[in-house]
C-alpha atoms as a PDB file:
ATOM      1  CA  MET A   1       8.110   7.807 -10.066  1.00  0.00           C
ATOM      2  CA  ASN A   2       8.753   8.492 -13.919  1.00  0.00           C
ATOM      3  CA  ALA A   3       9.049   5.051 -15.737  1.00  0.00           C
ATOM      4  CA  ASP A   4      12.753   6.920 -16.563  1.00  0.00           C
ATOM      5  CA  GLY A   5      13.587   6.808 -12.734  1.00  0.00           C
ATOM      6  CA  ARG A   6      12.553  10.212 -12.829  1.00  0.00           C
ATOM      7  CA  ASN A   7      10.527  12.219 -10.297  1.00  0.00           C
ATOM      8  CA  VAL A   8      10.507  10.131  -7.181  1.00  0.00           C
ATOM      9  CA  ARG A   9       8.354  10.503  -4.816  1.00  0.00           C
ATOM     10  CA  ARG A  10       7.110   9.241  -1.585  1.00  0.00           C
ATOM     11  CA  VAL A  11       3.240   7.644  -0.896  1.00  0.00           C
ATOM     12  CA  THR A  12       3.481   6.427   2.354  1.00  0.00           C
ATOM     13  CA  ASP A  13       4.969   7.958   5.973  1.00  0.00           C
ATOM     14  CA  LEU A  14       8.229   6.283   8.079  1.00  0.00           C
ATOM     15  CA  THR A  15       6.060   5.350  11.255  1.00  0.00           C
ATOM     16  CA  ALA A  16       5.677   1.892  10.131  1.00  0.00           C
ATOM     17  CA  ASN A  17       6.630  -0.765   7.708  1.00  0.00           C
ATOM     18  CA  TYR A  18       5.464  -1.061   3.810  1.00  0.00           C
ATOM     19  CA  ILE A  19       5.674  -4.151   1.934  1.00  0.00           C
ATOM     20  CA  THR A  20       4.620  -5.598  -1.412  1.00  0.00           C
ATOM     21  CA  PRO A  21       3.036  -2.715  -3.005  1.00  0.00           C
ATOM     22  CA  ALA A  22       0.068  -3.500  -6.077  1.00  0.00           C
ATOM     23  CA  TRP A  23      -1.106  -0.742  -8.261  1.00  0.00           C
ATOM     24  CA  ALA A  24      -4.633  -0.678  -9.590  1.00  0.00           C
ATOM     25  CA  ASN A  25      -4.569  -1.080 -13.299  1.00  0.00           C
ATOM     26  CA  ASP A  26      -5.639   1.869 -14.037  1.00  0.00           C
ATOM     27  CA  GLY A  27      -2.870   3.794 -11.933  1.00  0.00           C
ATOM     28  CA  GLN A  28      -5.041   5.874  -9.331  1.00  0.00           C
ATOM     29  CA  SER A  29      -5.038   3.623  -6.168  1.00  0.00           C
ATOM     30  CA  LEU A  30      -2.354   1.074  -4.469  1.00  0.00           C
ATOM     31  CA  VAL A  31      -2.762  -1.522  -1.928  1.00  0.00           C
ATOM     32  CA  VAL A  32       0.303  -2.568   0.519  1.00  0.00           C
ATOM     33  CA  ALA A  33       0.684  -4.916   3.139  1.00  0.00           C
ATOM     34  CA  SER A  34       1.618  -2.676   6.707  1.00  0.00           C
ATOM     35  CA  ASP A  35       2.120  -3.283  10.176  1.00  0.00           C
ATOM     36  CA  ARG A  36       1.579  -0.075  11.369  1.00  0.00           C
ATOM     37  CA  ASP A  37      -2.009  -0.377  13.383  1.00  0.00           C
ATOM     38  CA  ASP A  38      -1.400  -4.261  14.921  1.00  0.00           C
ATOM     39  CA  PRO A  39       1.494  -6.226  15.383  1.00  0.00           C
ATOM     40  CA  ASP A  40       0.568  -8.279  12.282  1.00  0.00           C
ATOM     41  CA  TRP A  41       0.044  -7.281   8.927  1.00  0.00           C
ATOM     42  CA  GLU A  42      -2.731  -5.975   7.230  1.00  0.00           C
ATOM     43  CA  ILE A  43      -3.446  -4.906   3.862  1.00  0.00           C
ATOM     44  CA  TYR A  44      -4.494  -1.000   2.965  1.00  0.00           C
ATOM     45  CA  MET A  45      -5.321   1.046  -0.171  1.00  0.00           C
ATOM     46  CA  LEU A  46      -4.014   4.921  -0.714  1.00  0.00           C
ATOM     47  CA  ASP A  47      -4.189   6.934  -3.605  1.00  0.00           C
ATOM     48  CA  ARG A  48      -1.667   7.346  -5.265  1.00  0.00           C
ATOM     49  CA  ASN A  49      -0.313  11.091  -4.361  1.00  0.00           C
ATOM     50  CA  GLY A  50      -0.140   8.961  -0.851  1.00  0.00           C
ATOM     51  CA  SER A  51      -3.805  10.557   0.798  1.00  0.00           C
ATOM     52  CA  ASN A  52      -6.823   8.485   2.127  1.00  0.00           C
ATOM     53  CA  LEU A  53      -5.460   5.752   3.369  1.00  0.00           C
ATOM     54  CA  ARG A  54      -7.756   2.809   4.051  1.00  0.00           C
ATOM     55  CA  ARG A  55      -7.423  -0.459   5.823  1.00  0.00           C
ATOM     56  CA  LEU A  56      -9.043  -3.272   4.060  1.00  0.00           C
ATOM     57  CA  THR A  57      -8.303  -6.466   6.164  1.00  0.00           C
ATOM     58  CA  ASN A  58      -8.598  -6.593   9.635  1.00  0.00           C
ATOM     59  CA  ASN A  59      -7.933 -10.232  11.630  1.00  0.00           C
ATOM     60  CA  GLN A  60      -4.874 -12.020  13.512  1.00  0.00           C
ATOM     61  CA  PHE A  61      -3.280 -13.580  10.294  1.00  0.00           C
ATOM     62  CA  ALA A  62      -0.943 -11.713   8.562  1.00  0.00           C
ATOM     63  CA  ASP A  63      -1.895 -10.751   5.323  1.00  0.00           C
ATOM     64  CA  ARG A  64       0.871  -9.728   2.890  1.00  0.00           C
ATOM     65  CA  PHE A  65       0.451 -10.107  -0.170  1.00  0.00           C
ATOM     66  CA  PRO A  66      -2.166  -7.766  -2.026  1.00  0.00           C
ATOM     67  CA  SER A  67      -3.042  -7.813  -5.146  1.00  0.00           C
ATOM     68  CA  TRP A  68      -6.007  -7.045  -8.177  1.00  0.00           C
ATOM     69  CA  HIS A  69      -8.083  -8.410  -9.949  1.00  0.00           C
ATOM     70  CA  PRO A  70      -9.015  -7.484 -13.778  1.00  0.00           C
END
């Protein structure tokens, strides 16, 4: 959405839980934690428009707090 709260747009689907989003510094990518593919949480990255979803982690631990390093 815009800084003033207008133009709200969904970038994830409703088939899974998505938590703790973090935007890249350039605003073009987003990382989130999700339980979409496993019973545990993994980290995913997607483009700002919701496309190009990529799984970044794959382990038996709950990965829940993604962030970007400058």
